[in-house]
PDB file of all heavy atoms in Angstrom:
ATOM      1  N   PRO A   1     113.545 265.019 -44.353  1.00  0.00           N
ATOM      2  CA  PRO A   1     113.843 266.341 -44.909  1.00  0.00           C
ATOM      3  C   PRO A   1     112.987 266.597 -46.169  1.00  0.00           C
ATOM      4  O   PRO A   1     112.727 265.677 -46.924  1.00  0.00           O
ATOM      5  CB  PRO A   1     115.336 266.247 -45.253  1.00  0.00           C
ATOM      6  CG  PRO A   1     115.864 265.123 -44.409  1.00  0.00           C
ATOM      7  CD  PRO A   1     114.704 264.166 -44.237  1.00  0.00           C
ATOM      8  N   LYS A   2     112.630 267.865 -46.374  1.00  0.00           N
ATOM      9  CA  LYS A   2     111.746 268.196 -47.486  1.00  0.00           C
ATOM     10  C   LYS A   2     112.340 267.798 -48.808  1.00  0.00           C
ATOM     11  O   LYS A   2     111.609 267.367 -49.716  1.00  0.00           O
ATOM     12  CB  LYS A   2     111.451 269.688 -47.475  1.00  0.00           C
ATOM     13  CG  LYS A   2     110.500 270.129 -46.397  1.00  0.00           C
ATOM     14  CD  LYS A   2     110.166 271.562 -46.453  1.00  0.00           C
ATOM     15  CE  LYS A   2     109.227 271.929 -45.316  1.00  0.00           C
ATOM     16  NZ  LYS A   2     108.902 273.341 -45.299  1.00  0.00           N
ATOM     17  N   ASP A   3     113.664 267.888 -48.976  1.00  0.00           N
ATOM     18  CA  ASP A   3     114.246 267.568 -50.243  1.00  0.00           C
ATOM     19  C   ASP A   3     114.311 266.054 -50.516  1.00  0.00           C
ATOM     20  O   ASP A   3     114.646 265.616 -51.623  1.00  0.00           O
ATOM     21  CB  ASP A   3     115.694 268.144 -50.373  1.00  0.00           C
ATOM     22  CG  ASP A   3     116.664 267.598 -49.340  1.00  0.00           C
ATOM     23  OD1 ASP A   3     116.200 267.080 -48.280  1.00  0.00           O
ATOM     24  OD2 ASP A   3     117.864 267.671 -49.569  1.00  0.00           O
ATOM     25  N   ARG A   4     113.966 265.239 -49.491  1.00  0.00           N
ATOM     26  CA  ARG A   4     113.947 263.773 -49.658  1.00  0.00           C
ATOM     27  C   ARG A   4     112.530 263.209 -49.558  1.00  0.00           C
ATOM     28  O   ARG A   4     112.334 262.004 -49.612  1.00  0.00           O
ATOM     29  CB  ARG A   4     114.858 263.106 -48.637  1.00  0.00           C
ATOM     30  CG  ARG A   4     116.319 263.579 -48.739  1.00  0.00           C
ATOM     31  CD  ARG A   4     117.195 262.790 -47.821  1.00  0.00           C
ATOM     32  NE  ARG A   4     117.317 261.395 -48.249  1.00  0.00           N
ATOM     33  CZ  ARG A   4     117.826 260.416 -47.482  1.00  0.00           C
ATOM     34  NH1 ARG A   4     118.238 260.676 -46.273  1.00  0.00           N
ATOM     35  NH2 ARG A   4     117.872 259.186 -47.920  1.00  0.00           N
ATOM     36  N   PHE A   5     111.558 264.106 -49.363  1.00  0.00           N
ATOM     37  CA  PHE A   5     110.186 263.696 -49.110  1.00  0.00           C
ATOM     38  C   PHE A   5     109.581 262.885 -50.262  1.00  0.00           C
ATOM     39  O   PHE A   5     108.997 261.826 -50.064  1.00  0.00           O
ATOM     40  CB  PHE A   5     109.311 264.920 -48.837  1.00  0.00           C
ATOM     41  CG  PHE A   5     108.091 264.645 -48.051  1.00  0.00           C
ATOM     42  CD1 PHE A   5     108.169 264.367 -46.684  1.00  0.00           C
ATOM     43  CD2 PHE A   5     106.849 264.686 -48.636  1.00  0.00           C
ATOM     44  CE1 PHE A   5     107.033 264.119 -45.957  1.00  0.00           C
ATOM     45  CE2 PHE A   5     105.677 264.452 -47.894  1.00  0.00           C
ATOM     46  CZ  PHE A   5     105.773 264.144 -46.544  1.00  0.00           C
ATOM     47  N   GLU A   6     109.778 263.356 -51.488  1.00  0.00           N
ATOM     48  CA  GLU A   6     109.230 262.632 -52.640  1.00  0.00           C
ATOM     49  C   GLU A   6     109.895 261.267 -52.780  1.00  0.00           C
ATOM     50  O   GLU A   6     109.239 260.259 -53.053  1.00  0.00           O
ATOM     51  CB  GLU A   6     109.444 263.464 -53.908  1.00  0.00           C
ATOM     52  CG  GLU A   6     108.732 262.886 -55.109  1.00  0.00           C
ATOM     53  CD  GLU A   6     108.846 263.784 -56.344  1.00  0.00           C
ATOM     54  OE1 GLU A   6     109.030 265.036 -56.208  1.00  0.00           O
ATOM     55  OE2 GLU A   6     108.791 263.209 -57.464  1.00  0.00           O
ATOM     56  N   ALA A   7     111.225 261.203 -52.578  1.00  0.00           N
ATOM     57  CA  ALA A   7     111.941 259.938 -52.691  1.00  0.00           C
ATOM     58  C   ALA A   7     111.474 258.968 -51.600  1.00  0.00           C
ATOM     59  O   ALA A   7     111.332 257.743 -51.839  1.00  0.00           O
ATOM     60  CB  ALA A   7     113.450 260.155 -52.569  1.00  0.00           C
ATOM     61  N   PHE A   8     111.213 259.496 -50.389  1.00  0.00           N
ATOM     62  CA  PHE A   8     110.693 258.668 -49.320  1.00  0.00           C
ATOM     63  C   PHE A   8     109.360 258.034 -49.701  1.00  0.00           C
ATOM     64  O   PHE A   8     109.176 256.823 -49.500  1.00  0.00           O
ATOM     65  CB  PHE A   8     110.570 259.439 -48.014  1.00  0.00           C
ATOM     66  CG  PHE A   8     109.834 258.674 -46.941  1.00  0.00           C
ATOM     67  CD1 PHE A   8     110.400 257.564 -46.342  1.00  0.00           C
ATOM     68  CD2 PHE A   8     108.542 259.024 -46.551  1.00  0.00           C
ATOM     69  CE1 PHE A   8     109.726 256.811 -45.395  1.00  0.00           C
ATOM     70  CE2 PHE A   8     107.881 258.296 -45.594  1.00  0.00           C
ATOM     71  CZ  PHE A   8     108.477 257.185 -45.014  1.00  0.00           C
ATOM     72  N   HIS A   9     108.472 258.807 -50.275  1.00  0.00           N
ATOM     73  CA  HIS A   9     107.154 258.250 -50.593  1.00  0.00           C
ATOM     74  C   HIS A   9     107.211 257.283 -51.767  1.00  0.00           C
ATOM     75  O   HIS A   9     106.412 256.347 -51.852  1.00  0.00           O
ATOM     76  CB  HIS A   9     106.133 259.366 -50.768  1.00  0.00           C
ATOM     77  CG  HIS A   9     105.654 259.872 -49.429  1.00  0.00           C
ATOM     78  ND1 HIS A   9     104.746 259.207 -48.652  1.00  0.00           N
ATOM     79  CD2 HIS A   9     106.044 260.940 -48.700  1.00  0.00           C
ATOM     80  CE1 HIS A   9     104.574 259.832 -47.542  1.00  0.00           C
ATOM     81  NE2 HIS A   9     105.343 260.903 -47.513  1.00  0.00           N
ATOM     82  N   HIS A  10     108.163 257.446 -52.642  1.00  0.00           N
ATOM     83  CA  HIS A  10     108.400 256.458 -53.683  1.00  0.00           C
ATOM     84  C   HIS A  10     108.910 255.152 -53.040  1.00  0.00           C
ATOM     85  O   HIS A  10     108.418 254.074 -53.365  1.00  0.00           O
ATOM     86  CB  HIS A  10     109.422 256.960 -54.714  1.00  0.00           C
ATOM     87  CG  HIS A  10     109.748 255.928 -55.765  1.00  0.00           C
ATOM     88  ND1 HIS A  10     108.886 255.587 -56.772  1.00  0.00           N
ATOM     89  CD2 HIS A  10     110.837 255.113 -55.918  1.00  0.00           C
ATOM     90  CE1 HIS A  10     109.444 254.647 -57.496  1.00  0.00           C
ATOM     91  NE2 HIS A  10     110.622 254.337 -56.994  1.00  0.00           N
ATOM     92  N   PHE A  11     109.819 255.268 -52.075  1.00  0.00           N
ATOM     93  CA  PHE A  11     110.322 254.131 -51.313  1.00  0.00           C
ATOM     94  C   PHE A  11     109.174 253.434 -50.555  1.00  0.00           C
ATOM     95  O   PHE A  11     109.059 252.216 -50.560  1.00  0.00           O
ATOM     96  CB  PHE A  11     111.427 254.611 -50.371  1.00  0.00           C
ATOM     97  CG  PHE A  11     111.861 253.635 -49.317  1.00  0.00           C
ATOM     98  CD1 PHE A  11     112.687 252.579 -49.631  1.00  0.00           C
ATOM     99  CD2 PHE A  11     111.442 253.782 -47.996  1.00  0.00           C
ATOM    100  CE1 PHE A  11     113.122 251.707 -48.673  1.00  0.00           C
ATOM    101  CE2 PHE A  11     111.834 252.883 -47.022  1.00  0.00           C
ATOM    102  CZ  PHE A  11     112.668 251.849 -47.355  1.00  0.00           C
ATOM    103  N   LEU A  12     108.337 254.243 -49.950  1.00  0.00           N
ATOM    104  CA  LEU A  12     107.199 253.719 -49.171  1.00  0.00           C
ATOM    105  C   LEU A  12     106.254 252.902 -50.073  1.00  0.00           C
ATOM    106  O   LEU A  12     105.733 251.880 -49.665  1.00  0.00           O
ATOM    107  CB  LEU A  12     106.433 254.914 -48.584  1.00  0.00           C
ATOM    108  CG  LEU A  12     105.636 254.670 -47.339  1.00  0.00           C
ATOM    109  CD1 LEU A  12     106.485 254.167 -46.182  1.00  0.00           C
ATOM    110  CD2 LEU A  12     104.917 255.942 -46.932  1.00  0.00           C
ATOM    111  N   GLY A  13     106.112 253.343 -51.338  1.00  0.00           N
ATOM    112  CA  GLY A  13     105.241 252.642 -52.268  1.00  0.00           C
ATOM    113  C   GLY A  13     105.706 251.255 -52.616  1.00  0.00           C
ATOM    114  O   GLY A  13     104.923 250.473 -53.177  1.00  0.00           O
ATOM    115  N   THR A  14     106.927 250.909 -52.317  1.00  0.00           N
ATOM    116  CA  THR A  14     107.466 249.587 -52.611  1.00  0.00           C
ATOM    117  C   THR A  14     107.256 248.591 -51.466  1.00  0.00           C
ATOM    118  O   THR A  14     107.642 247.424 -51.567  1.00  0.00           O
ATOM    119  CB  THR A  14     108.974 249.645 -52.924  1.00  0.00           C
ATOM    120  OG1 THR A  14     109.701 250.033 -51.757  1.00  0.00           O
ATOM    121  CG2 THR A  14     109.252 250.648 -54.031  1.00  0.00           C
ATOM    122  N   ARG A  15     106.711 249.061 -50.344  1.00  0.00           N
ATOM    123  CA  ARG A  15     106.635 248.252 -49.138  1.00  0.00           C
ATOM    124  C   ARG A  15     105.185 247.881 -48.752  1.00  0.00           C
ATOM    125  O   ARG A  15     104.263 248.586 -49.090  1.00  0.00           O
ATOM    126  CB  ARG A  15     107.274 249.021 -47.958  1.00  0.00           C
ATOM    127  CG  ARG A  15     108.696 249.396 -48.207  1.00  0.00           C
ATOM    128  CD  ARG A  15     109.199 250.323 -47.079  1.00  0.00           C
ATOM    129  NE  ARG A  15     109.259 249.643 -45.806  1.00  0.00           N
ATOM    130  CZ  ARG A  15     110.296 248.932 -45.383  1.00  0.00           C
ATOM    131  NH1 ARG A  15     111.391 248.865 -46.118  1.00  0.00           N
ATOM    132  NH2 ARG A  15     110.278 248.336 -44.203  1.00  0.00           N
ATOM    133  N   ASN A  16     105.062 246.782 -48.007  1.00  0.00           N
ATOM    134  CA  ASN A  16     103.807 246.422 -47.369  1.00  0.00           C
ATOM    135  C   ASN A  16     103.943 246.868 -45.924  1.00  0.00           C
ATOM    136  O   ASN A  16     104.659 246.237 -45.127  1.00  0.00           O
ATOM    137  CB  ASN A  16     103.561 244.920 -47.441  1.00  0.00           C
ATOM    138  CG  ASN A  16     102.335 244.488 -46.672  1.00  0.00           C
ATOM    139  OD1 ASN A  16     101.706 245.264 -45.952  1.00  0.00           O
ATOM    140  ND2 ASN A  16     102.014 243.234 -46.770  1.00  0.00           N
ATOM    141  N   LEU A  17     103.298 247.949 -45.561  1.00  0.00           N
ATOM    142  CA  LEU A  17     103.444 248.523 -44.214  1.00  0.00           C
ATOM    143  C   LEU A  17     102.854 247.642 -43.140  1.00  0.00           C
ATOM    144  O   LEU A  17     103.120 247.858 -41.944  1.00  0.00           O
ATOM    145  CB  LEU A  17     102.805 249.917 -44.141  1.00  0.00           C
ATOM    146  CG  LEU A  17     103.478 250.971 -45.055  1.00  0.00           C
ATOM    147  CD1 LEU A  17     102.752 252.277 -44.927  1.00  0.00           C
ATOM    148  CD2 LEU A  17     104.940 251.112 -44.704  1.00  0.00           C
ATOM    149  N   TYR A  18     102.068 246.641 -43.501  1.00  0.00           N
ATOM    150  CA  TYR A  18     101.447 245.744 -42.509  1.00  0.00           C
ATOM    151  C   TYR A  18     102.170 244.427 -42.365  1.00  0.00           C
ATOM    152  O   TYR A  18     101.749 243.592 -41.556  1.00  0.00           O
ATOM    153  CB  TYR A  18      99.964 245.578 -42.808  1.00  0.00           C
ATOM    154  CG  TYR A  18      99.253 246.877 -42.717  1.00  0.00           C
ATOM    155  CD1 TYR A  18      99.125 247.727 -43.794  1.00  0.00           C
ATOM    156  CD2 TYR A  18      98.822 247.353 -41.465  1.00  0.00           C
ATOM    157  CE1 TYR A  18      98.488 248.954 -43.658  1.00  0.00           C
ATOM    158  CE2 TYR A  18      98.212 248.582 -41.357  1.00  0.00           C
ATOM    159  CZ  TYR A  18      98.077 249.391 -42.440  1.00  0.00           C
ATOM    160  OH  TYR A  18      97.512 250.636 -42.325  1.00  0.00           O
ATOM    161  N   GLN A  19     103.224 244.230 -43.145  1.00  0.00           N
ATOM    162  CA  GLN A  19     103.955 242.960 -43.089  1.00  0.00           C
ATOM    163  C   GLN A  19     104.574 242.748 -41.710  1.00  0.00           C
ATOM    164  O   GLN A  19     104.590 241.605 -41.212  1.00  0.00           O
ATOM    165  CB  GLN A  19     105.042 242.975 -44.163  1.00  0.00           C
ATOM    166  CG  GLN A  19     105.747 241.617 -44.279  1.00  0.00           C
ATOM    167  CD  GLN A  19     106.667 241.608 -45.499  1.00  0.00           C
ATOM    168  OE1 GLN A  19     106.829 242.568 -46.207  1.00  0.00           O
ATOM    169  NE2 GLN A  19     107.279 240.472 -45.721  1.00  0.00           N
ATOM    170  N   ASN A  20     105.070 243.807 -41.082  1.00  0.00           N
ATOM    171  CA  ASN A  20     105.678 243.691 -39.764  1.00  0.00           C
ATOM    172  C   ASN A  20     104.990 244.610 -38.757  1.00  0.00           C
ATOM    173  O   ASN A  20     105.633 245.174 -37.889  1.00  0.00           O
ATOM    174  CB  ASN A  20     107.177 244.027 -39.834  1.00  0.00           C
ATOM    175  CG  ASN A  20     107.953 243.078 -40.728  1.00  0.00           C
ATOM    176  OD1 ASN A  20     107.769 241.882 -40.612  1.00  0.00           O
ATOM    177  ND2 ASN A  20     108.726 243.606 -41.632  1.00  0.00           N
ATOM    178  N   ALA A  21     103.699 244.785 -38.934  1.00  0.00           N
ATOM    179  CA  ALA A  21     102.946 245.629 -38.027  1.00  0.00           C
ATOM    180  C   ALA A  21     103.084 245.144 -36.578  1.00  0.00           C
ATOM    181  O   ALA A  21     103.150 243.935 -36.337  1.00  0.00           O
ATOM    182  CB  ALA A  21     101.479 245.680 -38.410  1.00  0.00           C
ATOM    183  N   VAL A  22     103.104 246.088 -35.666  1.00  0.00           N
ATOM    184  CA  VAL A  22     103.189 245.771 -34.217  1.00  0.00           C
ATOM    185  C   VAL A  22     101.822 245.876 -33.631  1.00  0.00           C
ATOM    186  O   VAL A  22     101.227 246.977 -33.597  1.00  0.00           O
ATOM    187  CB  VAL A  22     104.150 246.718 -33.525  1.00  0.00           C
ATOM    188  CG1 VAL A  22     104.206 246.450 -32.012  1.00  0.00           C
ATOM    189  CG2 VAL A  22     105.571 246.633 -34.108  1.00  0.00           C
ATOM    190  N   ILE A  23     101.293 244.742 -33.176  1.00  0.00           N
ATOM    191  CA  ILE A  23      99.959 244.712 -32.566  1.00  0.00           C
ATOM    192  C   ILE A  23     100.097 245.377 -31.167  1.00  0.00           C
ATOM    193  O   ILE A  23     100.956 245.014 -30.395  1.00  0.00           O
ATOM    194  CB  ILE A  23      99.433 243.280 -32.407  1.00  0.00           C
ATOM    195  CG1 ILE A  23      99.488 242.521 -33.711  1.00  0.00           C
ATOM    196  CG2 ILE A  23      98.023 243.282 -31.800  1.00  0.00           C
ATOM    197  CD1 ILE A  23      98.492 242.911 -34.726  1.00  0.00           C
ATOM    198  N   LEU A  24      99.167 246.265 -30.845  1.00  0.00           N
ATOM    199  CA  LEU A  24      99.232 246.926 -29.553  1.00  0.00           C
ATOM    200  C   LEU A  24      98.839 245.968 -28.447  1.00  0.00           C
ATOM    201  O   LEU A  24      98.010 245.043 -28.710  1.00  0.00           O
ATOM    202  CB  LEU A  24      98.344 248.166 -29.537  1.00  0.00           C
ATOM    203  CG  LEU A  24      98.810 249.263 -30.499  1.00  0.00           C
ATOM    204  CD1 LEU A  24      97.981 250.520 -30.330  1.00  0.00           C
ATOM    205  CD2 LEU A  24     100.259 249.623 -30.313  1.00  0.00           C
ATOM    206  N   PRO A  25      99.410 246.126 -27.250  1.00  0.00           N
ATOM    207  CA  PRO A  25      99.153 245.182 -26.178  1.00  0.00           C
ATOM    208  C   PRO A  25      97.665 244.957 -25.879  1.00  0.00           C
ATOM    209  O   PRO A  25      96.895 245.964 -25.781  1.00  0.00           O
ATOM    210  CB  PRO A  25      99.844 245.826 -24.961  1.00  0.00           C
ATOM    211  CG  PRO A  25     100.932 246.690 -25.588  1.00  0.00           C
ATOM    212  CD  PRO A  25     100.353 247.162 -26.876  1.00  0.00           C
ATOM    213  N   ASP A  26      97.273 243.714 -25.794  1.00  0.00           N
ATOM    214  CA  ASP A  26      95.899 243.294 -25.435  1.00  0.00           C
ATOM    215  C   ASP A  26      94.819 243.612 -26.518  1.00  0.00           C
ATOM    216  O   ASP A  26      93.651 243.388 -26.267  1.00  0.00           O
ATOM    217  CB  ASP A  26      95.437 243.877 -24.083  1.00  0.00           C
ATOM    218  CG  ASP A  26      96.401 243.574 -22.967  1.00  0.00           C
ATOM    219  OD1 ASP A  26      96.619 242.375 -22.723  1.00  0.00           O
ATOM    220  OD2 ASP A  26      96.967 244.503 -22.368  1.00  0.00           O
ATOM    221  N   ALA A  27      95.245 244.117 -27.678  1.00  0.00           N
ATOM    222  CA  ALA A  27      94.292 244.490 -28.707  1.00  0.00           C
ATOM    223  C   ALA A  27      93.489 243.287 -29.186  1.00  0.00           C
ATOM    224  O   ALA A  27      92.256 243.296 -29.169  1.00  0.00           O
ATOM    225  CB  ALA A  27      94.997 245.153 -29.889  1.00  0.00           C
ATOM    226  N   VAL A  28      94.145 242.242 -29.610  1.00  0.00           N
ATOM    227  CA  VAL A  28      93.436 241.084 -30.219  1.00  0.00           C
ATOM    228  C   VAL A  28      92.516 240.443 -29.186  1.00  0.00           C
ATOM    229  O   VAL A  28      91.351 240.152 -29.459  1.00  0.00           O
ATOM    230  CB  VAL A  28      94.448 240.062 -30.811  1.00  0.00           C
ATOM    231  CG1 VAL A  28      93.717 238.797 -31.242  1.00  0.00           C
ATOM    232  CG2 VAL A  28      95.239 240.670 -31.982  1.00  0.00           C
ATOM    233  N   GLU A  29      93.033 240.229 -27.976  1.00  0.00           N
ATOM    234  CA  GLU A  29      92.238 239.576 -26.919  1.00  0.00           C
ATOM    235  C   GLU A  29      90.987 240.378 -26.604  1.00  0.00           C
ATOM    236  O   GLU A  29      89.887 239.837 -26.457  1.00  0.00           O
ATOM    237  CB  GLU A  29      93.086 239.364 -25.662  1.00  0.00           C
ATOM    238  CG  GLU A  29      94.305 238.464 -25.874  1.00  0.00           C
ATOM    239  CD  GLU A  29      95.508 239.188 -26.464  1.00  0.00           C
ATOM    240  OE1 GLU A  29      95.446 240.403 -26.745  1.00  0.00           O
ATOM    241  OE2 GLU A  29      96.557 238.534 -26.671  1.00  0.00           O
ATOM    242  N   THR A  30      91.163 241.714 -26.461  1.00  0.00           N
ATOM    243  CA  THR A  30      90.038 242.563 -26.084  1.00  0.00           C
ATOM    244  C   THR A  30      89.013 242.663 -27.236  1.00  0.00           C
ATOM    245  O   THR A  30      87.824 242.595 -26.989  1.00  0.00           O
ATOM    246  CB  THR A  30      90.534 243.947 -25.680  1.00  0.00           C
ATOM    247  OG1 THR A  30      91.513 243.807 -24.641  1.00  0.00           O
ATOM    248  CG2 THR A  30      89.395 244.834 -25.177  1.00  0.00           C
ATOM    249  N   ILE A  31      89.495 242.817 -28.457  1.00  0.00           N
ATOM    250  CA  ILE A  31      88.588 242.893 -29.591  1.00  0.00           C
ATOM    251  C   ILE A  31      87.780 241.584 -29.708  1.00  0.00           C
ATOM    252  O   ILE A  31      86.599 241.615 -30.057  1.00  0.00           O
ATOM    253  CB  ILE A  31      89.349 243.223 -30.884  1.00  0.00           C
ATOM    254  CG1 ILE A  31      89.941 244.626 -30.828  1.00  0.00           C
ATOM    255  CG2 ILE A  31      88.429 243.111 -32.104  1.00  0.00           C
ATOM    256  CD1 ILE A  31      90.968 244.946 -31.875  1.00  0.00           C
ATOM    257  N   LYS A  32      88.436 240.464 -29.429  1.00  0.00           N
ATOM    258  CA  LYS A  32      87.728 239.193 -29.496  1.00  0.00           C
ATOM    259  C   LYS A  32      86.596 239.156 -28.456  1.00  0.00           C
ATOM    260  O   LYS A  32      85.475 238.716 -28.745  1.00  0.00           O
ATOM    261  CB  LYS A  32      88.694 238.045 -29.253  1.00  0.00           C
ATOM    262  CG  LYS A  32      88.138 236.699 -29.569  1.00  0.00           C
ATOM    263  CD  LYS A  32      89.236 235.633 -29.595  1.00  0.00           C
ATOM    264  CE  LYS A  32      88.701 234.348 -30.183  1.00  0.00           C
ATOM    265  NZ  LYS A  32      89.700 233.303 -30.303  1.00  0.00           N
ATOM    266  N   LYS A  33      86.867 239.646 -27.259  1.00  0.00           N
ATOM    267  CA  LYS A  33      85.826 239.714 -26.209  1.00  0.00           C
ATOM    268  C   LYS A  33      84.716 240.686 -26.625  1.00  0.00           C
ATOM    269  O   LYS A  33      83.509 240.402 -26.432  1.00  0.00           O
ATOM    270  CB  LYS A  33      86.447 240.180 -24.887  1.00  0.00           C
ATOM    271  CG  LYS A  33      87.352 239.154 -24.222  1.00  0.00           C
ATOM    272  CD  LYS A  33      87.940 239.769 -22.944  1.00  0.00           C
ATOM    273  CE  LYS A  33      89.058 238.955 -22.393  1.00  0.00           C
ATOM    274  NZ  LYS A  33      89.695 239.612 -21.245  1.00  0.00           N
ATOM    275  N   LEU A  34      85.100 241.831 -27.157  1.00  0.00           N
ATOM    276  CA  LEU A  34      84.117 242.839 -27.591  1.00  0.00           C
ATOM    277  C   LEU A  34      83.216 242.262 -28.668  1.00  0.00           C
ATOM    278  O   LEU A  34      82.012 242.545 -28.738  1.00  0.00           O
ATOM    279  CB  LEU A  34      84.802 244.114 -28.094  1.00  0.00           C
ATOM    280  CG  LEU A  34      85.492 245.001 -27.077  1.00  0.00           C
ATOM    281  CD1 LEU A  34      86.327 246.074 -27.766  1.00  0.00           C
ATOM    282  CD2 LEU A  34      84.484 245.609 -26.130  1.00  0.00           C
TER     283      LEU A  34
END
């Protein structure tokens, strides 16, 4: 919601968004071949 948007981005700034990233299927294996 717009009234929570600024608070959300402050919350987002406290996180590492890649700590629990989900690797897409076959990405690593295919990139290694490429």
